[in-house]
Protein backbone atom coordinates (compact mmCIF):
# COMPACT_ATOMS: atom_id res chain seq x y z
CA MET A 1 -27.36 26.98 -29.07
CA THR A 2 -30.53 26.62 -31.10
CA ALA A 3 -30.03 27.43 -34.80
CA PHE A 4 -32.65 29.32 -36.79
CA LEU A 5 -32.96 29.79 -40.59
CA LEU A 6 -34.15 33.17 -41.82
CA ALA A 7 -36.53 33.21 -44.78
CA ILE A 8 -35.21 35.23 -47.73
CA GLY A 9 -37.67 36.84 -50.15
CA ILE A 10 -40.63 39.12 -50.35
CA PRO A 11 -42.34 39.69 -46.97
CA LEU A 12 -45.78 38.15 -46.72
CA MET A 13 -48.75 40.50 -46.52
CA ALA A 14 -50.83 40.44 -43.34
CA GLU A 15 -54.02 38.42 -43.51
CA GLU A 16 -56.77 37.39 -41.12
CA VAL A 17 -58.11 33.93 -40.37
CA THR A 18 -61.32 33.64 -38.36
CA ILE A 19 -62.22 30.32 -36.79
CA ASP A 20 -65.86 30.13 -35.68
CA LEU A 21 -66.07 27.29 -33.16
CA THR A 22 -69.87 27.37 -33.25
CA LYS A 23 -69.82 26.25 -36.92
CA LYS A 24 -67.50 23.25 -36.67
CA GLY A 25 -70.28 20.68 -36.31
CA PHE A 26 -69.57 19.86 -32.66
CA GLN A 27 -72.29 18.05 -30.74
CA ASN A 28 -73.47 19.27 -27.34
CA SER A 29 -71.14 18.03 -24.52
CA GLN A 30 -68.48 16.97 -27.04
CA LYS A 31 -64.85 17.10 -25.89
CA VAL A 32 -62.79 19.34 -28.18
CA GLU A 33 -59.15 18.57 -28.90
CA THR A 34 -57.94 19.79 -32.32
CA VAL A 35 -59.30 22.26 -34.85
CA THR A 36 -57.47 23.10 -38.11
CA GLN A 37 -58.29 25.77 -40.67
CA ASP A 38 -56.27 27.74 -43.26
CA GLY A 39 -52.88 26.74 -41.89
CA VAL A 40 -53.89 27.37 -38.28
CA THR A 41 -54.13 24.63 -35.65
CA LEU A 42 -55.95 24.94 -32.33
CA THR A 43 -55.01 22.31 -29.76
CA PHE A 44 -57.21 22.15 -26.63
CA ALA A 45 -55.86 20.12 -23.68
CA LEU A 46 -56.84 19.08 -20.14
CA GLY A 47 -53.61 20.57 -18.73
CA SER A 48 -53.39 20.62 -14.93
CA ASN A 49 -57.11 20.37 -14.25
CA LYS A 50 -57.41 18.05 -11.26
CA ASN A 51 -61.08 17.15 -11.79
CA GLY A 52 -60.76 15.79 -15.32
CA ASN A 53 -62.68 18.71 -16.84
CA ALA A 54 -61.32 18.96 -20.38
CA PRO A 55 -62.35 21.62 -22.95
CA THR A 56 -65.93 20.84 -24.03
CA TYR A 57 -68.44 22.26 -26.51
CA TYR A 58 -71.86 23.21 -25.13
CA THR A 59 -74.88 24.74 -26.87
CA SER A 60 -76.68 26.03 -23.77
CA SER A 61 -76.33 29.63 -22.55
CA GLY A 62 -74.54 30.58 -25.76
CA ALA A 63 -72.81 27.97 -27.92
CA SER A 64 -69.07 27.89 -27.19
CA VAL A 65 -66.05 25.76 -26.30
CA ARG A 66 -65.62 25.97 -22.56
CA CYS A 67 -62.14 25.83 -21.01
CA TYR A 68 -61.74 25.13 -17.28
CA ILE A 69 -59.07 25.82 -14.70
CA GLY A 70 -55.74 24.36 -15.79
CA ASN A 71 -56.89 23.77 -19.39
CA THR A 72 -54.60 24.99 -22.16
CA LEU A 73 -55.12 26.19 -25.71
CA LYS A 74 -52.14 26.06 -28.08
CA ILE A 75 -52.50 28.11 -31.25
CA SER A 76 -49.96 27.48 -34.00
CA ALA A 77 -49.71 28.67 -37.59
CA ASP A 78 -47.42 28.31 -40.60
CA GLU A 79 -46.91 32.07 -40.59
CA SER A 80 -46.17 34.63 -37.94
CA ILE A 81 -49.07 35.38 -35.60
CA THR A 82 -49.08 39.05 -34.58
CA LYS A 83 -52.57 39.43 -33.14
CA ILE A 84 -55.34 37.14 -31.89
CA THR A 85 -58.84 38.35 -31.05
CA PHE A 86 -61.19 36.18 -29.00
CA THR A 87 -64.93 36.56 -28.67
CA PHE A 88 -66.91 34.84 -25.94
CA SER A 89 -70.56 33.92 -25.43
CA SER A 90 -70.57 35.86 -22.16
CA GLU A 91 -68.66 38.78 -20.68
CA SER A 92 -68.63 36.82 -17.41
CA TYR A 93 -66.63 34.00 -19.00
CA SER A 94 -64.02 35.95 -20.92
CA PHE A 95 -60.34 36.66 -20.29
CA LYS A 96 -59.72 38.62 -17.09
CA SER A 97 -56.61 39.98 -15.44
CA ASP A 98 -56.16 36.90 -13.23
CA ASN A 99 -57.46 33.99 -15.28
CA CYS A 100 -55.11 33.71 -18.23
CA SER A 101 -51.36 33.41 -18.79
CA VAL A 102 -49.51 33.13 -22.09
CA SER A 103 -46.23 31.50 -23.05
CA THR A 104 -45.16 34.48 -25.14
CA GLY A 105 -46.48 37.88 -26.12
CA SER A 106 -49.06 39.62 -23.95
CA ILE A 107 -52.80 39.96 -23.49
CA GLU A 108 -53.47 43.56 -24.41
CA THR A 109 -57.18 43.76 -23.53
CA THR A 110 -59.55 41.62 -21.48
CA GLY A 111 -63.31 41.17 -21.51
CA ASN A 112 -65.45 40.40 -24.55
CA PRO A 113 -63.63 40.60 -26.94
CA SER A 114 -60.07 40.02 -25.65
CA GLU A 115 -56.91 40.67 -27.63
CA TRP A 116 -53.41 39.15 -27.61
CA LYS A 117 -50.39 40.65 -29.40
CA GLY A 118 -46.95 39.23 -30.14
CA ASN A 119 -44.81 37.82 -32.92
CA THR A 120 -44.58 34.05 -33.01
CA ASN A 121 -45.92 31.05 -34.83
CA GLU A 122 -47.00 29.33 -31.62
CA VAL A 123 -48.52 30.57 -28.36
CA ILE A 124 -50.03 28.69 -25.42
CA PHE A 125 -52.90 30.15 -23.38
CA SER A 126 -53.25 28.64 -19.88
CA ASN A 127 -56.41 28.99 -17.79
CA THR A 128 -55.25 30.26 -14.39
CA THR A 129 -58.72 31.09 -13.08
CA PRO A 130 -58.91 31.31 -9.26
CA ASN A 131 -62.49 30.00 -9.29
CA GLU A 132 -63.39 26.68 -10.92
CA ILE A 133 -67.08 27.47 -11.32
CA LYS A 134 -67.31 31.13 -12.27
CA ASP A 135 -64.27 31.93 -14.39
CA LYS A 136 -64.31 29.44 -17.25
CA TRP A 137 -63.65 30.67 -20.80
CA TRP A 138 -66.61 30.32 -23.20
CA ILE A 139 -64.85 30.81 -26.54
CA GLN A 140 -66.92 31.35 -29.71
CA THR A 141 -64.52 32.77 -32.32
CA ILE A 142 -60.78 33.18 -32.71
CA THR A 143 -59.44 35.64 -35.29
CA LEU A 144 -55.73 35.57 -36.11
CA THR A 145 -53.74 38.27 -37.86
CA LEU A 146 -50.93 36.56 -39.76
CA GLY A 147 -47.93 38.43 -41.11
CA GLU A 148 -44.37 37.70 -42.14
CA GLU A 149 -42.44 34.62 -41.16
CA PRO A 150 -41.83 34.82 -37.42
CA THR A 151 -38.77 36.69 -36.28
CA PRO A 152 -36.32 34.18 -34.84
CA PRO A 153 -36.42 34.34 -31.06
CA PRO A 154 -33.32 35.68 -29.38
CA SER A 155 -30.63 33.23 -28.40
CA LEU A 156 -30.97 31.60 -25.02
CA VAL A 157 -28.81 33.08 -22.27
CA GLU A 158 -27.47 30.35 -20.01
CA VAL A 159 -27.32 31.20 -16.31
CA ASN A 160 -26.37 29.14 -13.29
CA GLY A 161 -28.79 29.71 -10.45
CA ILE A 162 -31.73 31.92 -9.66
CA ALA A 163 -29.69 34.89 -8.41
CA ALA A 164 -28.13 35.24 -11.90
CA LEU A 165 -31.56 34.76 -13.47
CA ARG A 166 -32.96 37.68 -11.51
CA GLN A 167 -30.26 40.00 -12.82
CA LEU A 168 -31.67 39.69 -16.35
CA SER A 169 -34.02 42.12 -18.05
CA ASN A 170 -37.70 41.44 -18.71
CA GLY A 171 -38.37 39.13 -21.62
CA SER A 172 -34.98 37.42 -21.50
CA ARG A 173 -35.01 33.90 -22.90
CA VAL A 174 -32.96 31.80 -20.54
CA ARG A 175 -31.55 28.34 -20.06
CA LEU A 176 -31.57 28.02 -16.27
CA VAL A 177 -29.09 25.47 -14.93
CA LEU A 178 -29.66 24.10 -11.40
CA PRO A 179 -26.86 21.66 -10.50
CA GLU A 180 -27.16 19.28 -7.59
CA GLU A 181 -25.10 21.55 -5.32
CA ASN A 182 -27.46 24.46 -6.06
CA ALA A 183 -30.75 22.63 -6.63
CA GLY A 184 -34.05 24.44 -6.82
CA ASN A 185 -36.28 23.53 -3.90
CA ILE A 186 -40.04 23.82 -4.40
CA GLU A 187 -41.03 25.81 -1.31
CA TRP A 188 -44.72 26.31 -1.99
CA VAL A 189 -47.29 25.47 -4.68
CA ASP A 190 -50.34 27.59 -5.39
CA THR A 191 -53.06 24.93 -5.27
CA ASN A 192 -55.55 27.45 -6.65
CA ASN A 193 -53.35 27.61 -9.71
CA GLY A 194 -51.57 24.32 -10.39
CA THR A 195 -49.01 25.90 -12.72
CA TYR A 196 -47.50 28.23 -10.09
CA ALA A 197 -44.67 27.01 -7.84
CA TYR A 198 -42.27 29.07 -5.75
CA VAL A 199 -38.72 27.76 -6.08
CA ARG A 200 -35.55 28.72 -4.21
CA ASP A 201 -31.97 27.61 -4.70
CA ASN A 202 -29.13 28.44 -2.31
CA ASP A 203 -29.41 32.17 -2.97
CA MET A 204 -32.78 33.47 -4.19
CA ALA A 205 -36.32 32.54 -5.19
CA VAL A 206 -38.47 32.82 -8.30
CA ARG A 207 -42.01 31.88 -9.25
CA PHE A 208 -42.08 29.08 -11.84
CA THR A 209 -45.04 29.09 -14.24
CA ASN A 210 -46.31 26.91 -17.06
CA PHE A 211 -45.40 23.69 -15.31
CA LEU A 212 -46.31 20.57 -17.25
CA PRO A 213 -47.53 18.23 -14.48
CA ASN A 214 -48.20 15.35 -16.88
CA ASP A 215 -44.55 15.21 -17.97
CA ASP A 216 -42.22 12.94 -16.03
CA GLY A 217 -39.66 15.67 -15.41
CA TRP A 218 -42.02 18.24 -13.89
CA HIS A 219 -43.95 18.10 -10.63
CA THR A 220 -45.69 20.87 -8.76
CA LYS A 221 -45.18 19.34 -5.32
CA ALA A 222 -43.91 21.27 -2.33
CA GLY A 223 -40.82 19.52 -1.04
CA GLY A 224 -39.67 18.53 -4.51
CA THR A 225 -36.18 19.42 -5.71
CA LEU A 226 -35.36 20.51 -9.26
CA ILE A 227 -31.99 19.47 -10.70
CA GLY A 228 -30.86 20.00 -14.28
CA ALA A 229 -31.51 22.58 -16.99
CA VAL A 230 -34.74 24.18 -18.14
CA ASP A 231 -35.54 26.77 -20.78
CA GLY A 232 -37.86 29.68 -20.21
CA GLU A 233 -38.49 33.38 -20.23
CA TYR A 234 -37.75 35.65 -17.28
CA ASN A 235 -39.92 38.60 -16.30
CA PHE A 236 -40.40 40.74 -13.22
CA ASN A 237 -44.17 40.33 -13.44
CA ASN A 238 -46.15 42.85 -11.35
CA GLY A 239 -43.55 42.80 -8.63
CA ILE A 240 -42.91 39.02 -8.67
CA PRO A 241 -39.79 37.50 -10.27
CA GLU A 242 -41.22 34.90 -12.65
CA PHE A 243 -39.71 32.20 -14.84
CA THR A 244 -42.05 30.77 -17.49
CA HIS A 245 -41.15 27.45 -19.06
CA ILE A 246 -40.99 27.43 -22.87
CA ASP A 247 -40.74 24.50 -25.24
CA THR A 248 -37.27 23.91 -26.66
CA THR A 249 -35.21 20.83 -27.39
CA ILE A 250 -34.48 20.28 -23.66
CA ALA A 251 -37.93 21.08 -22.33
CA ASP A 252 -38.00 18.06 -20.03
CA SER A 253 -34.33 17.63 -19.18
CA ILE A 254 -34.84 18.96 -15.66
CA LEU A 255 -35.39 16.31 -13.00
CA CYS A 256 -37.71 16.69 -10.03
CA LEU A 257 -36.98 14.56 -6.97
CA ASP A 258 -40.23 14.29 -5.03
CA PHE A 259 -40.11 15.34 -1.39
CA TRP A 260 -36.33 15.51 -1.39
CA GLN A 261 -36.39 18.18 1.27
CA THR A 262 -38.77 19.64 3.83
CA SER A 263 -39.87 23.14 2.96
CA ALA A 264 -38.77 25.52 5.69
CA PRO A 265 -39.29 29.29 5.69
CA ILE A 266 -36.50 31.82 6.02
CA VAL A 267 -36.85 33.45 9.44
CA ILE A 268 -36.83 37.23 9.05
CA SER A 269 -35.73 39.19 12.10
CA ASP A 270 -35.77 42.63 10.46
CA LEU A 271 -39.19 43.25 8.96
CA SER A 272 -37.91 46.20 6.93
CA VAL A 273 -36.06 43.88 4.50
CA LEU A 274 -39.44 42.59 3.29
CA THR A 275 -40.43 46.04 2.03
CA GLY A 276 -37.92 45.67 -0.82
CA THR A 277 -37.81 43.14 -3.67
CA ASP A 278 -34.93 40.85 -2.66
CA TYR A 279 -37.20 38.38 -0.85
CA ARG A 280 -40.05 38.42 -3.37
CA ALA A 281 -41.22 34.84 -4.14
CA ASP A 282 -39.42 33.61 -0.99
CA TYR A 283 -41.01 31.47 1.69
CA VAL A 284 -40.53 33.54 4.85
CA MET A 285 -41.49 33.66 8.51
CA VAL A 286 -41.80 36.67 10.79
CA ASN A 287 -41.88 36.00 14.52
CA ASP A 288 -43.63 37.68 17.43
CA VAL A 289 -45.39 40.41 15.45
CA SER A 290 -48.69 42.18 15.95
CA LEU A 291 -51.56 42.08 13.45
CA SER A 292 -53.97 44.91 12.76
CA THR A 293 -57.15 45.32 10.71
CA ASP A 294 -59.64 48.07 9.98
CA ASP A 295 -62.47 45.95 8.64
CA GLY A 296 -61.83 42.35 9.74
CA GLU A 297 -60.96 41.35 6.17
CA HIS A 298 -57.73 43.15 5.31
CA TYR A 299 -54.83 42.61 7.71
CA GLU A 300 -51.35 43.99 8.21
CA ILE A 301 -48.25 42.76 10.01
CA VAL A 302 -47.08 45.49 12.35
CA ASN A 303 -43.70 45.82 14.02
CA ASP A 304 -42.75 49.28 15.29
CA ASP A 305 -43.33 51.56 12.28
CA ILE A 306 -43.12 48.79 9.64
CA HIS A 307 -46.38 47.57 8.07
CA ILE A 308 -46.67 44.66 5.63
CA ALA A 309 -50.05 43.93 4.06
CA MET A 310 -51.34 40.33 4.14
CA THR A 311 -53.61 38.44 1.79
CA ASN A 312 -55.08 34.94 1.84
CA LYS A 313 -54.09 34.25 -1.78
CA PHE A 314 -53.77 30.51 -1.21
CA GLY A 315 -57.09 30.07 0.61
CA VAL A 316 -55.58 28.67 3.83
CA SER A 317 -57.96 27.96 6.69
CA ASP A 318 -56.10 29.68 9.55
CA ILE A 319 -58.59 31.74 11.54
CA ILE A 320 -57.35 35.12 12.76
CA PRO A 321 -59.01 35.96 16.11
CA ASP A 322 -61.33 38.96 16.30
CA ASP A 323 -59.57 40.43 19.31
CA LEU A 324 -56.01 41.32 18.26
CA LEU A 325 -55.22 43.71 21.12
CA GLY A 326 -52.10 42.62 22.98
CA ARG A 327 -51.67 39.46 20.90
CA HIS A 328 -48.57 38.41 18.99
CA PHE A 329 -48.17 35.93 16.16
CA ASP A 330 -45.67 33.96 14.10
CA VAL A 331 -46.66 34.32 10.44
CA GLN A 332 -45.40 32.25 7.49
CA GLY A 333 -45.98 32.82 3.81
CA ILE A 334 -44.71 33.69 0.35
CA LEU A 335 -43.61 37.28 -0.07
CA GLY A 336 -45.62 38.57 -2.98
CA ALA A 337 -46.67 41.98 -4.19
CA SER A 338 -49.67 44.25 -4.56
CA ALA A 339 -51.65 44.15 -7.80
CA ASP A 340 -49.45 46.82 -9.37
CA GLY A 341 -46.25 45.30 -7.98
CA SER A 342 -45.30 48.45 -6.10
CA THR A 343 -45.37 47.16 -2.53
CA SER A 344 -44.72 43.87 -0.77
CA VAL A 345 -47.64 41.70 0.34
CA LEU A 346 -47.34 38.51 2.36
CA TYR A 347 -49.39 35.66 0.88
CA TYR A 348 -49.73 33.95 4.25
CA THR A 349 -49.69 30.17 4.56
CA GLN A 350 -49.79 29.73 8.35
CA ILE A 351 -50.54 31.91 11.38
CA ASP A 352 -49.70 30.77 14.91
CA GLU A 353 -50.40 32.83 17.99
CA VAL A 354 -47.37 33.28 20.24
CA MET A 355 -48.35 31.87 23.59
CA PRO A 356 -48.42 34.66 26.21
CA GLU A 357 -46.54 34.18 29.46
CA LEU A 358 -48.75 34.77 32.50
CA ALA A 359 -47.43 34.94 36.08
CA LEU A 360 -49.79 34.93 39.07
CA SER A 361 -49.02 34.93 42.78
CA GLU A 362 -50.86 33.99 45.96
CA THR A 363 -49.89 37.38 47.45
CA LEU A 364 -50.92 39.62 44.53
CA TYR A 365 -54.21 41.51 44.68
CA ASN A 366 -54.66 41.93 40.91
CA ASN A 367 -54.80 38.28 39.84
CA THR A 368 -58.48 38.47 38.92
CA ALA A 369 -57.93 41.52 36.69
CA THR A 370 -55.02 39.81 34.96
CA ILE A 371 -56.97 36.58 34.50
CA GLY A 372 -59.85 38.59 33.02
CA LYS A 373 -57.57 40.03 30.33
CA TYR A 374 -56.73 36.52 29.14
CA ASP A 375 -60.14 34.92 29.65
CA GLY A 376 -60.73 32.26 26.99
CA ARG A 377 -57.16 32.39 25.68
CA ASP A 378 -54.35 29.85 25.88
CA VAL A 379 -51.29 30.91 27.85
CA ASN A 380 -48.15 29.53 29.43
CA ILE A 381 -48.87 30.16 33.09
CA THR A 382 -46.98 30.05 36.38
CA VAL A 383 -48.97 30.27 39.62
CA GLU A 384 -47.01 30.89 42.79
CA ARG A 385 -48.88 28.76 45.33
CA GLN A 386 -47.14 27.30 48.38
CA LEU A 387 -48.56 23.90 49.37
CA THR A 388 -47.76 22.53 52.80
CA THR A 389 -46.58 18.92 52.71
CA ASN A 390 -48.26 16.02 54.51
CA THR A 391 -51.38 17.96 55.33
CA TRP A 392 -54.56 19.03 53.58
CA ASN A 393 -54.56 22.30 51.65
CA THR A 394 -57.28 24.04 49.66
CA ILE A 395 -56.71 25.02 46.05
CA CYS A 396 -58.57 26.80 43.23
CA LEU A 397 -56.99 27.54 39.82
CA PRO A 398 -58.19 29.54 36.76
CA PHE A 399 -57.58 26.68 34.30
CA ASP A 400 -58.39 23.01 33.91
CA VAL A 401 -55.84 20.40 34.90
CA TYR A 402 -56.68 17.10 33.24
CA ASP A 403 -54.19 15.04 35.25
CA PHE A 404 -53.16 16.69 38.50
CA SER A 405 -50.29 14.26 38.93
CA ASP A 406 -48.63 15.93 35.93
CA ILE A 407 -48.04 19.08 37.97
CA VAL A 408 -47.87 17.64 41.48
CA SER A 409 -46.67 14.08 41.15
CA ALA A 410 -47.13 13.01 44.78
CA ALA A 411 -50.46 14.43 45.88
CA LYS A 412 -54.04 13.41 46.57
CA LEU A 413 -56.79 15.62 45.11
CA ALA A 414 -60.38 15.62 46.40
CA GLU A 415 -63.54 17.52 45.48
CA PHE A 416 -66.56 18.47 47.62
CA THR A 417 -69.27 15.91 46.78
CA GLY A 418 -71.80 15.90 49.62
CA TYR A 419 -72.91 16.72 53.16
CA ASP A 420 -74.15 14.39 55.92
CA ALA A 421 -76.36 16.49 58.17
CA ALA A 422 -76.67 13.77 60.82
CA THR A 423 -72.94 13.84 61.55
CA ASN A 424 -72.30 17.35 60.18
CA THR A 425 -69.73 15.83 57.82
CA LEU A 426 -68.45 17.47 54.65
CA GLU A 427 -67.89 14.66 52.17
CA PHE A 428 -65.05 14.70 49.63
CA SER A 429 -64.11 12.20 46.92
CA SER A 430 -60.74 11.63 45.24
CA VAL A 431 -60.39 12.87 41.68
CA GLU A 432 -57.57 13.11 39.16
CA SER A 433 -58.58 16.27 37.29
CA LEU A 434 -59.24 19.81 38.40
CA GLN A 435 -61.85 22.09 36.83
CA ALA A 436 -61.12 25.79 36.44
CA GLY A 437 -62.69 27.96 39.16
CA MET A 438 -63.76 25.05 41.38
CA PRO A 439 -62.38 24.50 44.91
CA TYR A 440 -60.56 21.31 45.96
CA LEU A 441 -58.60 19.76 48.79
CA VAL A 442 -55.06 18.64 48.00
CA TYR A 443 -52.67 16.59 50.15
CA PRO A 444 -49.09 16.81 48.78
CA THR A 445 -46.23 14.67 50.08
CA GLU A 446 -43.55 16.75 48.39
CA GLU A 447 -42.68 20.43 48.49
CA VAL A 448 -44.63 22.57 46.02
CA SER A 449 -44.07 26.33 45.70
CA SER A 450 -45.45 26.98 42.20
CA ILE A 451 -47.53 25.37 39.47
CA ARG A 452 -46.48 25.62 35.81
CA ILE A 453 -48.73 24.76 32.84
CA LEU A 454 -47.94 25.22 29.14
CA GLY A 455 -50.90 26.01 26.91
CA ALA A 456 -53.47 26.40 29.68
CA SER A 457 -56.88 27.74 28.66
CA ILE A 458 -57.76 30.58 31.04
CA VAL A 459 -61.23 30.74 32.62
CA ASN A 460 -62.16 33.83 34.63
CA GLU A 461 -64.96 32.28 36.69
CA ILE A 462 -65.34 31.17 40.29
CA ILE A 463 -67.63 28.15 40.72
CA PRO A 464 -68.73 27.62 44.34
CA VAL A 465 -69.81 24.12 45.35
CA THR A 466 -72.79 23.84 47.72
CA TYR A 467 -74.05 20.93 49.79
CA GLY A 468 -76.37 21.29 52.76
CA THR A 469 -75.62 24.47 54.66
CA TYR A 470 -72.03 24.70 53.35
CA ASP A 471 -70.62 26.52 50.35
CA MET A 472 -67.00 25.86 49.36
CA VAL A 473 -65.74 28.95 47.55
CA GLY A 474 -62.46 29.36 45.69
CA ILE A 475 -60.57 32.65 45.38
CA PHE A 476 -58.10 34.07 42.83
CA ASP A 477 -57.14 37.14 44.92
CA PRO A 478 -56.29 37.42 48.62
CA THR A 479 -59.64 37.71 50.38
CA THR A 480 -60.47 39.36 53.70
CA LEU A 481 -61.98 37.16 56.39
CA HIS A 482 -63.46 39.27 59.19
CA GLU A 483 -62.96 38.76 62.89
CA GLY A 484 -65.78 36.94 64.61
CA ASP A 485 -67.52 35.85 61.40
CA LYS A 486 -68.88 32.48 62.52
CA GLN A 487 -70.28 31.82 59.03
CA VAL A 488 -66.78 31.48 57.57
CA LEU A 489 -64.33 28.58 57.98
CA PHE A 490 -60.87 28.32 56.50
CA LEU A 491 -58.39 25.44 56.53
CA GLY A 492 -55.34 26.32 58.60
CA ASP A 493 -52.49 24.63 60.38
CA LYS A 494 -52.67 21.06 61.65
CA ASN A 495 -55.67 20.13 59.48
CA THR A 496 -57.96 22.44 61.42
CA LEU A 497 -60.89 24.49 60.18
CA TYR A 498 -60.90 27.89 61.82
CA HIS A 499 -63.32 30.74 62.24
CA PRO A 500 -61.42 34.02 61.83
CA ASN A 501 -60.57 35.49 65.24
CA VAL A 502 -58.96 38.58 63.75
CA THR A 503 -59.60 40.34 60.45
CA ASN A 504 -57.06 38.92 58.06
CA ASP A 505 -56.53 38.06 54.38
CA LEU A 506 -56.63 34.49 53.12
CA LYS A 507 -54.01 34.16 50.37
CA ALA A 508 -55.04 33.65 46.75
CA PHE A 509 -55.72 30.35 44.95
CA ARG A 510 -57.24 28.81 48.03
CA ALA A 511 -60.80 28.20 49.19
CA TYR A 512 -62.93 28.75 52.27
CA PHE A 513 -66.29 27.51 53.55
CA HIS A 514 -69.34 29.66 54.06
CA THR A 515 -72.00 28.20 56.33
CA THR A 516 -75.12 29.09 58.31
CA SER A 517 -74.18 26.47 60.90
CA GLU A 518 -71.87 27.15 63.81
CA SER A 519 -71.57 23.50 64.79
CA ALA A 520 -68.23 21.71 64.65
CA ALA A 521 -67.83 20.00 61.25
CA ASN A 522 -66.04 16.86 60.20
CA ILE A 523 -64.50 16.17 56.80
CA SER A 524 -64.44 12.74 55.18
CA VAL A 525 -62.41 11.81 52.09
CA ASP A 526 -63.61 8.71 50.22
CA GLY A 527 -65.85 7.81 53.17
CA ILE A 528 -63.06 7.96 55.74
CA ILE A 529 -63.27 10.68 58.39
CA SER A 530 -60.11 12.75 58.08
CA ASP A 531 -58.21 14.33 60.92
CA ILE A 532 -59.53 17.74 59.91
CA ARG A 533 -61.45 19.25 62.82
CA THR A 534 -63.21 22.52 63.51
CA ALA A 535 -61.83 24.81 66.18
CA THR A 536 -64.87 26.22 67.97
CA ILE A 537 -64.44 29.27 70.18
CA GLU A 538 -66.95 29.72 72.96
CA SER A 539 -67.68 33.12 74.55
CA LEU A 540 -65.20 33.84 77.34
CA ASP A 541 -66.49 34.91 80.75
CA GLY A 542 -64.55 37.51 82.67
CA ASP A 543 -62.82 34.95 84.89
CA GLN A 544 -62.20 32.34 82.12
CA ARG A 545 -58.48 31.75 81.78
CA ILE A 546 -56.39 31.78 78.58
CA TYR A 547 -53.00 30.01 78.40
CA ASN A 548 -50.17 30.12 75.88
CA VAL A 549 -48.79 26.88 74.40
CA SER A 550 -46.25 26.69 77.27
CA GLY A 551 -49.09 26.50 79.79
CA GLN A 552 -48.59 29.99 81.14
CA LEU A 553 -51.66 32.03 82.02
CA VAL A 554 -51.81 35.11 79.79
CA GLY A 555 -55.22 36.53 80.75
CA THR A 556 -58.96 36.05 80.71
CA SER A 557 -59.73 37.88 77.43
CA THR A 558 -58.42 37.74 73.88
CA SER A 559 -58.31 41.53 73.81
CA GLY A 560 -54.73 42.79 73.54
CA LEU A 561 -53.14 39.39 72.95
CA GLN A 562 -50.28 39.20 70.46
CA LYS A 563 -50.49 37.00 67.34
CA GLY A 564 -50.12 33.34 68.16
CA VAL A 565 -51.76 30.11 69.33
CA TYR A 566 -53.51 29.93 72.71
CA VAL A 567 -55.69 27.46 74.66
CA SER A 568 -58.88 28.22 76.57
CA ASN A 569 -61.30 25.77 78.08
CA GLY A 570 -59.68 22.97 76.04
CA ASN A 571 -60.09 24.83 72.74
CA LYS A 572 -57.33 26.13 70.48
CA VAL A 573 -57.50 29.88 69.89
CA ILE A 574 -55.65 31.49 66.94
CA ILE A 575 -54.82 35.19 67.03
CA LYS A 576 -53.59 36.45 63.61
């Protein structure tokens, strides 16, 4: 318990002391530290400024002492200070609602002039400006109203833990005890304001202010752990539970263990709990939610009929995509409040898009439409595509595969790289990667029924490859090949290129050849002629015989034949 002596006698009459900083004989660019006058002491300090910008006197643009982000000004007097009025050389560089905090009392008015009121013999003003360049203070004069001896501050209330702290009324002076078994973990630090840290023990969170980063016991580092006792004042400040450190005999008895723990958000499954105040100042995460915006600047988290506003208070670099339709996200941040404290606002720290699951099939006719919806986006994708083992297949996929062996470990992949007109040979070369929308040959030696890729970037584009009189064209949907079209070849059973003899659909995620030549074609892979051959069908005369695979004569015309494989004049005939 801190003991205070009350002065006995006649109350002192109020008086004013005006300190004109422009008449103290400072030189231009001189650092300012201490000014004393009529029992009043002004102490200017670097504070938490990370760039070494200490309070400095300048004569340009209006003579004044300029205080930068993180700088502090301590004003102390022998008598009670009940009012302080500041004048500035510019309205632009005066106190504003977001660029000044005080250790006690309150700032009653902002602008030029600004006014503080309270009842103390010492008060600390901290520059909490969000902008290093624009929101400095340019102080010219400080006028103090001094009255009676300061009223002794109320006794400190000792509480164990943040939950008990948050039960107290505004303005309570508190000794907060955080034992090792209920340590305060620094979950997040506002780097735009080095004195703000969000701290949680086992039960609840609070925003710590007026950190003293140059003292051994205090550190504003996320991941640090606070153990011990600290004195301060508790307020529910514009919707945020806030604990402001004050100087007492144990000001530095709290210990901070750097990076003792890894900050991890509390996962919130019911978004409605964030609309209240219990989780204010907490580091939270909401999973698989939608985002909405009206103007591309102000965003909301949306889940059913619950809406939580978002703000980039900490200046994080996460980029929210322009197209939010159908997208879901995991969002992390500190639960804060609106300017008036009435509603919850998430000060987001990280936004991750939830990877969509996309399923495509070789038999579906809407693959292209589905691919188009996700064009340019990353997805987890499964493509149902049956590959026949120990033979050549064609393949075309809507995403890049950088190492095909990762998805089909025992397979040879080849791309169309040339055409030899002299031998009518389609030339292919082995490759390891597959480009989205391009057609390839693949020779698997193991059973493959589907292809699964995590984080594939979808490309809704077909890229035909042309050499000589041949185009190799991939397809994402089943595609109709028409009977008798001699300008089309597809790879079928037994490594054979076929012209379609009946109108039929080639399944999706394959490729076919389009050509102006009706000559039989060869295919070479890495310069070696493969066993892929073209089945050429000559016109059948009326008395030309057609046999089934058992050697039985079935007729002299393909008309009316059932589906199957036949032989005529030494050529294989496929009826589908």
